[in-house]
Amino acid sequence: FRQTLEHFFSELDSDVPFAALSMLVASMAPDQREE
């Protein structure tokens, strides 16, 4: 289980723009999130 988590998280930001996605969602107004 630990190896699975390490594999998933180790390269997450290099494969997927997760941090940028989180920043975008955090800056959205409630009506934009609903849309």
Full PDB file with SEQRES, HELIX, SHEET, SSBOND, CRYST1, ORIGX, SCALE, CONECT and MASTER records, all heavy atoms in Angstrom:
SEQRES   1 A   35  PHE ARG GLN THR LEU GLU HIS PHE PHE SER GLU LEU ASP          
SEQRES   2 A   35  SER ASP VAL PRO PHE ALA ALA LEU SER MET LEU VAL ALA          
SEQRES   3 A   35  SER MET ALA PRO ASP GLN ARG GLU GLU                          
HELIX    1 AA1 ARG A    2  SER A   10  1                                   9    
HELIX    2 AA2 LEU A   12  ASP A   15  1                                   4    
HELIX    3 AA3 PHE A   18  ALA A   26  1                                   9    
HELIX    4 AA4 PRO A   30  GLU A   34  1                                   5    
CRYST1    1.000    1.000    1.000  90.00  90.00  90.00 P 1           1          
ORIGX1      1.000000  0.000000  0.000000        0.00000                         
ORIGX2      0.000000  1.000000  0.000000        0.00000                         
ORIGX3      0.000000  0.000000  1.000000        0.00000                         
SCALE1      1.000000  0.000000  0.000000        0.00000                         
SCALE2      0.000000  1.000000  0.000000        0.00000                         
SCALE3      0.000000  0.000000  1.000000        0.00000                         
ATOM      1  N   PHE A   1       0.838  -1.200   0.000  1.00  0.00           N  
ATOM      2  CA  PHE A   1       0.000   0.000   0.000  1.00  0.00           C  
ATOM      3  C   PHE A   1       0.874   1.253   0.000  1.00  0.00           C  
ATOM      4  O   PHE A   1       0.623   2.199  -0.737  1.00  0.00           O  
ATOM      5  CB  PHE A   1      -0.925  -0.024   1.223  1.00  0.00           C  
ATOM      6  CG  PHE A   1      -1.839   1.157   1.321  1.00  0.00           C  
ATOM      7  CD1 PHE A   1      -2.791   1.412   0.345  1.00  0.00           C  
ATOM      8  CD2 PHE A   1      -1.748   2.023   2.408  1.00  0.00           C  
ATOM      9  CE1 PHE A   1      -3.639   2.506   0.436  1.00  0.00           C  
ATOM     10  CE2 PHE A   1      -2.592   3.122   2.505  1.00  0.00           C  
ATOM     11  CZ  PHE A   1      -3.540   3.364   1.524  1.00  0.00           C  
ATOM     12  N   ARG A   2       1.924   1.253   0.815  1.00  0.00           N  
ATOM     13  CA  ARG A   2       2.838   2.400   0.862  1.00  0.00           C  
ATOM     14  C   ARG A   2       3.506   2.622  -0.499  1.00  0.00           C  
ATOM     15  O   ARG A   2       3.599   3.747  -0.981  1.00  0.00           O  
ATOM     16  CB  ARG A   2       3.905   2.189   1.940  1.00  0.00           C  
ATOM     17  CG  ARG A   2       4.911   3.352   2.035  1.00  0.00           C  
ATOM     18  CD  ARG A   2       5.993   3.069   3.073  1.00  0.00           C  
ATOM     19  NE  ARG A   2       5.438   3.058   4.398  1.00  0.00           N  
ATOM     20  CZ  ARG A   2       5.269   4.151   5.155  1.00  0.00           C  
ATOM     21  NH1 ARG A   2       5.620   5.341   4.679  1.00  0.00           N  
ATOM     22  NH2 ARG A   2       4.765   4.062   6.361  1.00  0.00           N  
ATOM     23  N   GLN A   3       3.956   1.547  -1.136  1.00  0.00           N  
ATOM     24  CA  GLN A   3       4.595   1.673  -2.449  1.00  0.00           C  
ATOM     25  C   GLN A   3       3.618   2.219  -3.495  1.00  0.00           C  
ATOM     26  O   GLN A   3       3.995   3.010  -4.359  1.00  0.00           O  
ATOM     27  CB  GLN A   3       5.134   0.314  -2.910  1.00  0.00           C  
ATOM     28  CG  GLN A   3       6.358  -0.150  -2.154  1.00  0.00           C  
ATOM     29  CD  GLN A   3       6.717  -1.593  -2.474  1.00  0.00           C  
ATOM     30  OE1 GLN A   3       5.858  -2.402  -2.846  1.00  0.00           O  
ATOM     31  NE2 GLN A   3       7.995  -1.928  -2.313  1.00  0.00           N  
ATOM     32  N   THR A   4       2.355   1.795  -3.398  1.00  0.00           N  
ATOM     33  CA  THR A   4       1.333   2.290  -4.315  1.00  0.00           C  
ATOM     34  C   THR A   4       1.174   3.800  -4.170  1.00  0.00           C  
ATOM     35  O   THR A   4       1.140   4.537  -5.160  1.00  0.00           O  
ATOM     36  CB  THR A   4      -0.015   1.592  -4.048  1.00  0.00           C  
ATOM     37  OG1 THR A   4       0.127   0.193  -4.318  1.00  0.00           O  
ATOM     38  CG2 THR A   4      -1.117   2.161  -4.924  1.00  0.00           C  
ATOM     39  N   LEU A   5       1.081   4.263  -2.916  1.00  0.00           N  
ATOM     40  CA  LEU A   5       0.950   5.700  -2.669  1.00  0.00           C  
ATOM     41  C   LEU A   5       2.188   6.450  -3.154  1.00  0.00           C  
ATOM     42  O   LEU A   5       2.078   7.505  -3.782  1.00  0.00           O  
ATOM     43  CB  LEU A   5       0.740   5.962  -1.175  1.00  0.00           C  
ATOM     44  CG  LEU A   5      -0.579   5.473  -0.567  1.00  0.00           C  
ATOM     45  CD1 LEU A   5      -0.584   5.733   0.938  1.00  0.00           C  
ATOM     46  CD2 LEU A   5      -1.770   6.145  -1.228  1.00  0.00           C  
ATOM     47  N   GLU A   6       3.357   5.909  -2.862  1.00  0.00           N  
ATOM     48  CA  GLU A   6       4.600   6.570  -3.282  1.00  0.00           C  
ATOM     49  C   GLU A   6       4.671   6.664  -4.804  1.00  0.00           C  
ATOM     50  O   GLU A   6       5.087   7.691  -5.353  1.00  0.00           O  
ATOM     51  CB  GLU A   6       5.808   5.813  -2.733  1.00  0.00           C  
ATOM     52  CG  GLU A   6       5.973   5.975  -1.233  1.00  0.00           C  
ATOM     53  CD  GLU A   6       7.027   5.061  -0.633  1.00  0.00           C  
ATOM     54  OE1 GLU A   6       7.440   4.097  -1.311  1.00  0.00           O  
ATOM     55  OE2 GLU A   6       7.426   5.306   0.523  1.00  0.00           O  
ATOM     56  N   HIS A   7       4.268   5.602  -5.485  1.00  0.00           N  
ATOM     57  CA  HIS A   7       4.284   5.598  -6.945  1.00  0.00           C  
ATOM     58  C   HIS A   7       3.324   6.647  -7.494  1.00  0.00           C  
ATOM     59  O   HIS A   7       3.644   7.389  -8.429  1.00  0.00           O  
ATOM     60  CB  HIS A   7       3.905   4.214  -7.466  1.00  0.00           C  
ATOM     61  CG  HIS A   7       3.893   4.111  -8.959  1.00  0.00           C  
ATOM     62  ND1 HIS A   7       2.726   4.217  -9.700  1.00  0.00           N  
ATOM     63  CD2 HIS A   7       4.882   3.955  -9.850  1.00  0.00           C  
ATOM     64  CE1 HIS A   7       3.010   4.104 -10.982  1.00  0.00           C  
ATOM     65  NE2 HIS A   7       4.311   3.942 -11.108  1.00  0.00           N  
ATOM     66  N   PHE A   8       2.140   6.723  -6.899  1.00  0.00           N  
ATOM     67  CA  PHE A   8       1.130   7.670  -7.373  1.00  0.00           C  
ATOM     68  C   PHE A   8       1.584   9.113  -7.164  1.00  0.00           C  
ATOM     69  O   PHE A   8       1.508   9.938  -8.071  1.00  0.00           O  
ATOM     70  CB  PHE A   8      -0.195   7.423  -6.643  1.00  0.00           C  
ATOM     71  CG  PHE A   8      -1.261   8.444  -6.951  1.00  0.00           C  
ATOM     72  CD1 PHE A   8      -1.692   8.647  -8.252  1.00  0.00           C  
ATOM     73  CD2 PHE A   8      -1.836   9.187  -5.939  1.00  0.00           C  
ATOM     74  CE1 PHE A   8      -2.681   9.590  -8.545  1.00  0.00           C  
ATOM     75  CE2 PHE A   8      -2.828  10.124  -6.226  1.00  0.00           C  
ATOM     76  CZ  PHE A   8      -3.249  10.318  -7.522  1.00  0.00           C  
ATOM     77  N   PHE A   9       2.086   9.416  -5.969  1.00  0.00           N  
ATOM     78  CA  PHE A   9       2.395  10.801  -5.632  1.00  0.00           C  
ATOM     79  C   PHE A   9       3.760  11.267  -6.121  1.00  0.00           C  
ATOM     80  O   PHE A   9       3.964  12.462  -6.323  1.00  0.00           O  
ATOM     81  CB  PHE A   9       2.318  11.011  -4.121  1.00  0.00           C  
ATOM     82  CG  PHE A   9       0.933  10.873  -3.562  1.00  0.00           C  
ATOM     83  CD1 PHE A   9       0.667   9.992  -2.529  1.00  0.00           C  
ATOM     84  CD2 PHE A   9      -0.120  11.616  -4.078  1.00  0.00           C  
ATOM     85  CE1 PHE A   9      -0.609   9.866  -2.008  1.00  0.00           C  
ATOM     86  CE2 PHE A   9      -1.400  11.488  -3.574  1.00  0.00           C  
ATOM     87  CZ  PHE A   9      -1.642  10.616  -2.531  1.00  0.00           C  
ATOM     88  N   SER A  10       4.701  10.341  -6.326  1.00  0.00           N  
ATOM     89  CA  SER A  10       6.093  10.736  -6.580  1.00  0.00           C  
ATOM     90  C   SER A  10       6.253  11.626  -7.801  1.00  0.00           C  
ATOM     91  O   SER A  10       7.025  12.578  -7.785  1.00  0.00           O  
ATOM     92  CB  SER A  10       6.985   9.497  -6.717  1.00  0.00           C  
ATOM     93  OG  SER A  10       6.596   8.743  -7.853  1.00  0.00           O  
ATOM     94  N   GLU A  11       5.530  11.307  -8.866  1.00  0.00           N  
ATOM     95  CA  GLU A  11       5.677  12.077 -10.100  1.00  0.00           C  
ATOM     96  C   GLU A  11       4.392  12.808 -10.495  1.00  0.00           C  
ATOM     97  O   GLU A  11       4.236  13.213 -11.637  1.00  0.00           O  
ATOM     98  CB  GLU A  11       6.099  11.140 -11.251  1.00  0.00           C  
ATOM     99  CG  GLU A  11       7.394  10.389 -11.009  1.00  0.00           C  
ATOM    100  CD  GLU A  11       8.589  11.323 -10.921  1.00  0.00           C  
ATOM    101  OE1 GLU A  11       8.559  12.395 -11.554  1.00  0.00           O  
ATOM    102  OE2 GLU A  11       9.545  10.993 -10.207  1.00  0.00           O  
ATOM    103  N   LEU A  12       3.492  12.974  -9.539  1.00  0.00           N  
ATOM    104  CA  LEU A  12       2.176  13.511  -9.882  1.00  0.00           C  
ATOM    105  C   LEU A  12       2.263  14.876 -10.539  1.00  0.00           C  
ATOM    106  O   LEU A  12       1.658  15.110 -11.580  1.00  0.00           O  
ATOM    107  CB  LEU A  12       1.294  13.590  -8.630  1.00  0.00           C  
ATOM    108  CG  LEU A  12      -0.159  14.025  -8.860  1.00  0.00           C  
ATOM    109  CD1 LEU A  12      -0.880  13.074  -9.789  1.00  0.00           C  
ATOM    110  CD2 LEU A  12      -0.905  14.112  -7.536  1.00  0.00           C  
ATOM    111  N   ASP A  13       3.041  15.779  -9.961  1.00  0.00           N  
ATOM    112  CA  ASP A  13       3.093  17.127 -10.528  1.00  0.00           C  
ATOM    113  C   ASP A  13       3.873  17.200 -11.828  1.00  0.00           C  
ATOM    114  O   ASP A  13       3.683  18.113 -12.614  1.00  0.00           O  
ATOM    115  CB  ASP A  13       3.682  18.115  -9.519  1.00  0.00           C  
ATOM    116  CG  ASP A  13       2.583  18.833  -8.740  1.00  0.00           C  
ATOM    117  OD1 ASP A  13       1.434  18.847  -9.219  1.00  0.00           O  
ATOM    118  OD2 ASP A  13       2.875  19.369  -7.667  1.00  0.00           O  
ATOM    119  N   SER A  14       4.760  16.222 -12.077  1.00  0.00           N  
ATOM    120  CA  SER A  14       5.465  16.253 -13.357  1.00  0.00           C  
ATOM    121  C   SER A  14       4.595  15.671 -14.472  1.00  0.00           C  
ATOM    122  O   SER A  14       4.688  16.087 -15.617  1.00  0.00           O  
ATOM    123  CB  SER A  14       6.789  15.478 -13.263  1.00  0.00           C  
ATOM    124  OG  SER A  14       6.549  14.113 -12.989  1.00  0.00           O  
ATOM    125  N   ASP A  15       3.732  14.708 -14.115  1.00  0.00           N  
ATOM    126  CA  ASP A  15       2.836  14.105 -15.105  1.00  0.00           C  
ATOM    127  C   ASP A  15       1.574  14.933 -15.301  1.00  0.00           C  
ATOM    128  O   ASP A  15       1.062  15.064 -16.403  1.00  0.00           O  
ATOM    129  CB  ASP A  15       2.391  12.707 -14.645  1.00  0.00           C  
ATOM    130  CG  ASP A  15       3.505  11.688 -14.742  1.00  0.00           C  
ATOM    131  OD1 ASP A  15       4.559  12.025 -15.291  1.00  0.00           O  
ATOM    132  OD2 ASP A  15       3.320  10.572 -14.242  1.00  0.00           O  
ATOM    133  N   VAL A  16       1.070  15.478 -14.225  1.00  0.00           N  
ATOM    134  CA  VAL A  16      -0.234  16.122 -14.209  1.00  0.00           C  
ATOM    135  C   VAL A  16      -0.104  17.468 -13.498  1.00  0.00           C  
ATOM    136  O   VAL A  16       0.526  17.546 -12.459  1.00  0.00           O  
ATOM    137  CB  VAL A  16      -1.259  15.241 -13.441  1.00  0.00           C  
ATOM    138  CG1 VAL A  16      -2.609  15.922 -13.373  1.00  0.00           C  
ATOM    139  CG2 VAL A  16      -1.381  13.870 -14.073  1.00  0.00           C  
ATOM    140  N   PRO A  17      -0.697  18.523 -14.043  1.00  0.00           N  
ATOM    141  CA  PRO A  17      -0.591  19.838 -13.404  1.00  0.00           C  
ATOM    142  C   PRO A  17      -1.521  19.964 -12.205  1.00  0.00           C  
ATOM    143  O   PRO A  17      -2.419  20.809 -12.158  1.00  0.00           O  
ATOM    144  CB  PRO A  17      -0.983  20.794 -14.532  1.00  0.00           C  
ATOM    145  CG  PRO A  17      -1.934  19.997 -15.365  1.00  0.00           C  
ATOM    146  CD  PRO A  17      -1.439  18.577 -15.304  1.00  0.00           C  
ATOM    147  N   PHE A  18      -1.318  19.074 -11.198  1.00  0.00           N  
ATOM    148  CA  PHE A  18      -2.261  19.023 -10.087  1.00  0.00           C  
ATOM    149  C   PHE A  18      -2.245  20.297  -9.257  1.00  0.00           C  
ATOM    150  O   PHE A  18      -3.281  20.820  -8.867  1.00  0.00           O  
ATOM    151  CB  PHE A  18      -1.974  17.816  -9.188  1.00  0.00           C  
ATOM    152  CG  PHE A  18      -2.952  17.692  -8.061  1.00  0.00           C  
ATOM    153  CD1 PHE A  18      -4.246  17.256  -8.297  1.00  0.00           C  
ATOM    154  CD2 PHE A  18      -2.599  18.061  -6.771  1.00  0.00           C  
ATOM    155  CE1 PHE A  18      -5.164  17.178  -7.271  1.00  0.00           C  
ATOM    156  CE2 PHE A  18      -3.516  17.981  -5.738  1.00  0.00           C  
ATOM    157  CZ  PHE A  18      -4.796  17.528  -5.987  1.00  0.00           C  
ATOM    158  N   ALA A  19      -1.049  20.819  -8.975  1.00  0.00           N  
ATOM    159  CA  ALA A  19      -0.967  22.044  -8.175  1.00  0.00           C  
ATOM    160  C   ALA A  19      -1.647  23.202  -8.894  1.00  0.00           C  
ATOM    161  O   ALA A  19      -2.396  23.974  -8.298  1.00  0.00           O  
ATOM    162  CB  ALA A  19       0.489  22.381  -7.865  1.00  0.00           C  
ATOM    163  N   ALA A  20      -1.404  23.309 -10.206  1.00  0.00           N  
ATOM    164  CA  ALA A  20      -2.030  24.382 -10.981  1.00  0.00           C  
ATOM    165  C   ALA A  20      -3.547  24.203 -11.021  1.00  0.00           C  
ATOM    166  O   ALA A  20      -4.307  25.178 -10.923  1.00  0.00           O  
ATOM    167  CB  ALA A  20      -1.467  24.414 -12.399  1.00  0.00           C  
ATOM    168  N   LEU A  21      -4.003  22.963 -11.160  1.00  0.00           N  
ATOM    169  CA  LEU A  21      -5.437  22.680 -11.156  1.00  0.00           C  
ATOM    170  C   LEU A  21      -6.053  23.131  -9.835  1.00  0.00           C  
ATOM    171  O   LEU A  21      -7.102  23.768  -9.812  1.00  0.00           O  
ATOM    172  CB  LEU A  21      -5.675  21.181 -11.364  1.00  0.00           C  
ATOM    173  CG  LEU A  21      -7.117  20.690 -11.231  1.00  0.00           C  
ATOM    174  CD1 LEU A  21      -7.985  21.274 -12.333  1.00  0.00           C  
ATOM    175  CD2 LEU A  21      -7.166  19.170 -11.258  1.00  0.00           C  
ATOM    176  N   SER A  22      -5.371  22.816  -8.729  1.00  0.00           N  
ATOM    177  CA  SER A  22      -5.871  23.209  -7.408  1.00  0.00           C  
ATOM    178  C   SER A  22      -5.947  24.722  -7.275  1.00  0.00           C  
ATOM    179  O   SER A  22      -6.902  25.261  -6.708  1.00  0.00           O  
ATOM    180  CB  SER A  22      -4.964  22.632  -6.312  1.00  0.00           C  
ATOM    181  OG  SER A  22      -4.891  21.240  -6.426  1.00  0.00           O  
ATOM    182  N   MET A  23      -4.931  25.420  -7.813  1.00  0.00           N  
ATOM    183  CA  MET A  23      -4.932  26.880  -7.755  1.00  0.00           C  
ATOM    184  C   MET A  23      -6.098  27.455  -8.547  1.00  0.00           C  
ATOM    185  O   MET A  23      -6.758  28.408  -8.099  1.00  0.00           O  
ATOM    186  CB  MET A  23      -3.615  27.426  -8.307  1.00  0.00           C  
ATOM    187  CG  MET A  23      -2.410  27.126  -7.449  1.00  0.00           C  
ATOM    188  SD  MET A  23      -0.898  27.698  -8.273  1.00  0.00           S  
ATOM    189  CE  MET A  23       0.340  26.778  -7.384  1.00  0.00           C  
ATOM    190  N   LEU A  24      -6.357  26.891  -9.719  1.00  0.00           N  
ATOM    191  CA  LEU A  24      -7.470  27.372 -10.538  1.00  0.00           C  
ATOM    192  C   LEU A  24      -8.804  27.182  -9.825  1.00  0.00           C  
ATOM    193  O   LEU A  24      -9.629  28.093  -9.759  1.00  0.00           O  
ATOM    194  CB  LEU A  24      -7.501  26.642 -11.879  1.00  0.00           C  
ATOM    195  CG  LEU A  24      -6.534  27.108 -12.954  1.00  0.00           C  
ATOM    196  CD1 LEU A  24      -6.612  26.177 -14.155  1.00  0.00           C  
ATOM    197  CD2 LEU A  24      -6.854  28.539 -13.377  1.00  0.00           C  
ATOM    198  N   VAL A  25      -9.019  25.985  -9.292  1.00  0.00           N  
ATOM    199  CA  VAL A  25     -10.283  25.687  -8.622  1.00  0.00           C  
ATOM    200  C   VAL A  25     -10.458  26.580  -7.400  1.00  0.00           C  
ATOM    201  O   VAL A  25     -11.546  27.092  -7.132  1.00  0.00           O  
ATOM    202  CB  VAL A  25     -10.364  24.195  -8.247  1.00  0.00           C  
ATOM    203  CG1 VAL A  25     -11.586  23.921  -7.381  1.00  0.00           C  
ATOM    204  CG2 VAL A  25     -10.410  23.334  -9.509  1.00  0.00           C  
ATOM    205  N   ALA A  26      -9.354  26.811  -6.662  1.00  0.00           N  
ATOM    206  CA  ALA A  26      -9.426  27.655  -5.468  1.00  0.00           C  
ATOM    207  C   ALA A  26      -9.797  29.091  -5.804  1.00  0.00           C  
ATOM    208  O   ALA A  26     -10.420  29.786  -4.996  1.00  0.00           O  
ATOM    209  CB  ALA A  26      -8.095  27.619  -4.724  1.00  0.00           C  
ATOM    210  N   SER A  27      -9.435  29.551  -7.005  1.00  0.00           N  
ATOM    211  CA  SER A  27      -9.717  30.945  -7.376  1.00  0.00           C  
ATOM    212  C   SER A  27     -11.062  31.120  -8.091  1.00  0.00           C  
ATOM    213  O   SER A  27     -11.430  32.233  -8.448  1.00  0.00           O  
ATOM    214  CB  SER A  27      -8.593  31.493  -8.263  1.00  0.00           C  
ATOM    215  OG  SER A  27      -8.625  30.904  -9.560  1.00  0.00           O  
ATOM    216  N   MET A  28     -11.797  30.027  -8.258  1.00  0.00           N  
ATOM    217  CA  MET A  28     -13.089  30.107  -8.941  1.00  0.00           C  
ATOM    218  C   MET A  28     -14.183  30.615  -8.002  1.00  0.00           C  
ATOM    219  O   MET A  28     -14.210  30.262  -6.822  1.00  0.00           O  
ATOM    220  CB  MET A  28     -13.495  28.724  -9.481  1.00  0.00           C  
ATOM    221  CG  MET A  28     -12.677  28.259 -10.656  1.00  0.00           C  
ATOM    222  SD  MET A  28     -12.951  26.508 -11.049  1.00  0.00           S  
ATOM    223  CE  MET A  28     -14.670  26.516 -11.498  1.00  0.00           C  
ATOM    224  N   ALA A  29     -15.066  31.416  -8.531  1.00  0.00           N  
ATOM    225  CA  ALA A  29     -16.241  31.852  -7.779  1.00  0.00           C  
ATOM    226  C   ALA A  29     -17.215  30.669  -7.673  1.00  0.00           C  
ATOM    227  O   ALA A  29     -17.198  29.771  -8.523  1.00  0.00           O  
ATOM    228  CB  ALA A  29     -16.910  33.023  -8.487  1.00  0.00           C  
ATOM    229  N   PRO A  30     -18.074  30.656  -6.632  1.00  0.00           N  
ATOM    230  CA  PRO A  30     -19.021  29.544  -6.477  1.00  0.00           C  
ATOM    231  C   PRO A  30     -19.876  29.278  -7.715  1.00  0.00           C  
ATOM    232  O   PRO A  30     -20.130  28.118  -8.057  1.00  0.00           O  
ATOM    233  CB  PRO A  30     -19.888  29.990  -5.283  1.00  0.00           C  
ATOM    234  CG  PRO A  30     -18.987  30.891  -4.496  1.00  0.00           C  
ATOM    235  CD  PRO A  30     -18.145  31.606  -5.513  1.00  0.00           C  
ATOM    236  N   ASP A  31     -20.322  30.340  -8.398  1.00  0.00           N  
ATOM    237  CA  ASP A  31     -21.155  30.119  -9.582  1.00  0.00           C  
ATOM    238  C   ASP A  31     -20.353  29.483 -10.718  1.00  0.00           C  
ATOM    239  O   ASP A  31     -20.885  28.705 -11.510  1.00  0.00           O  
ATOM    240  CB  ASP A  31     -21.816  31.422 -10.044  1.00  0.00           C  
ATOM    241  CG  ASP A  31     -20.804  32.510 -10.400  1.00  0.00           C  
ATOM    242  OD1 ASP A  31     -19.770  32.615  -9.728  1.00  0.00           O  
ATOM    243  OD2 ASP A  31     -21.065  33.258 -11.364  1.00  0.00           O  
ATOM    244  N   GLN A  32     -19.038  29.782 -10.792  1.00  0.00           N  
ATOM    245  CA  GLN A  32     -18.195  29.151 -11.811  1.00  0.00           C  
ATOM    246  C   GLN A  32     -18.014  27.662 -11.503  1.00  0.00           C  
ATOM    247  O   GLN A  32     -18.057  26.840 -12.413  1.00  0.00           O  
ATOM    248  CB  GLN A  32     -16.824  29.835 -11.863  1.00  0.00           C  
ATOM    249  CG  GLN A  32     -16.846  31.226 -12.459  1.00  0.00           C  
ATOM    250  CD  GLN A  32     -15.504  31.897 -12.371  1.00  0.00           C  
ATOM    251  OE1 GLN A  32     -14.850  31.896 -11.327  1.00  0.00           O  
ATOM    252  NE2 GLN A  32     -15.064  32.475 -13.483  1.00  0.00           N  
ATOM    253  N   ARG A  33     -17.830  27.337 -10.225  1.00  0.00           N  
ATOM    254  CA  ARG A  33     -17.706  25.923  -9.846  1.00  0.00           C  
ATOM    255  C   ARG A  33     -18.973  25.156 -10.194  1.00  0.00           C  
ATOM    256  O   ARG A  33     -18.916  24.029 -10.679  1.00  0.00           O  
ATOM    257  CB  ARG A  33     -17.416  25.797  -8.341  1.00  0.00           C  
ATOM    258  CG  ARG A  33     -16.045  26.240  -7.942  1.00  0.00           C  
ATOM    259  CD  ARG A  33     -15.687  25.739  -6.546  1.00  0.00           C  
ATOM    260  NE  ARG A  33     -14.525  26.436  -6.048  1.00  0.00           N  
ATOM    261  CZ  ARG A  33     -14.553  27.406  -5.149  1.00  0.00           C  
ATOM    262  NH1 ARG A  33     -15.695  27.783  -4.632  1.00  0.00           N  
ATOM    263  NH2 ARG A  33     -13.446  27.995  -4.749  1.00  0.00           N  
ATOM    264  N   GLU A  34     -20.113  25.781  -9.940  1.00  0.00           N  
ATOM    265  CA  GLU A  34     -21.384  25.126 -10.246  1.00  0.00           C  
ATOM    266  C   GLU A  34     -21.539  24.932 -11.751  1.00  0.00           C  
ATOM    267  O   GLU A  34     -22.003  23.878 -12.202  1.00  0.00           O  
ATOM    268  CB  GLU A  34     -22.543  25.960  -9.691  1.00  0.00           C  
ATOM    269  CG  GLU A  34     -23.932  25.406 -10.003  1.00  0.00           C  
ATOM    270  CD  GLU A  34     -24.196  24.030  -9.421  1.00  0.00           C  
ATOM    271  OE1 GLU A  34     -23.432  23.575  -8.538  1.00  0.00           O  
ATOM    272  OE2 GLU A  34     -25.164  23.386  -9.860  1.00  0.00           O  
ATOM    273  N   GLU A  35     -21.129  25.909 -12.540  1.00  0.00           N  
ATOM    274  CA  GLU A  35     -21.213  25.789 -13.998  1.00  0.00           C  
ATOM    275  C   GLU A  35     -20.342  24.640 -14.493  1.00  0.00           C  
ATOM    276  O   GLU A  35     -20.758  23.852 -15.349  1.00  0.00           O  
ATOM    277  CB  GLU A  35     -20.783  27.094 -14.673  1.00  0.00           C  
ATOM    278  CG  GLU A  35     -20.904  27.041 -16.183  1.00  0.00           C  
ATOM    279  CD  GLU A  35     -20.484  28.333 -16.867  1.00  0.00           C  
ATOM    280  OE1 GLU A  35     -20.362  29.366 -16.188  1.00  0.00           O  
ATOM    281  OE2 GLU A  35     -20.287  28.297 -18.098  1.00  0.00           O  
TER     282      GLU A  35                                                      
MASTER        0    0    0    4    0    0    0    6  281    1    0    3          
END                                                                             
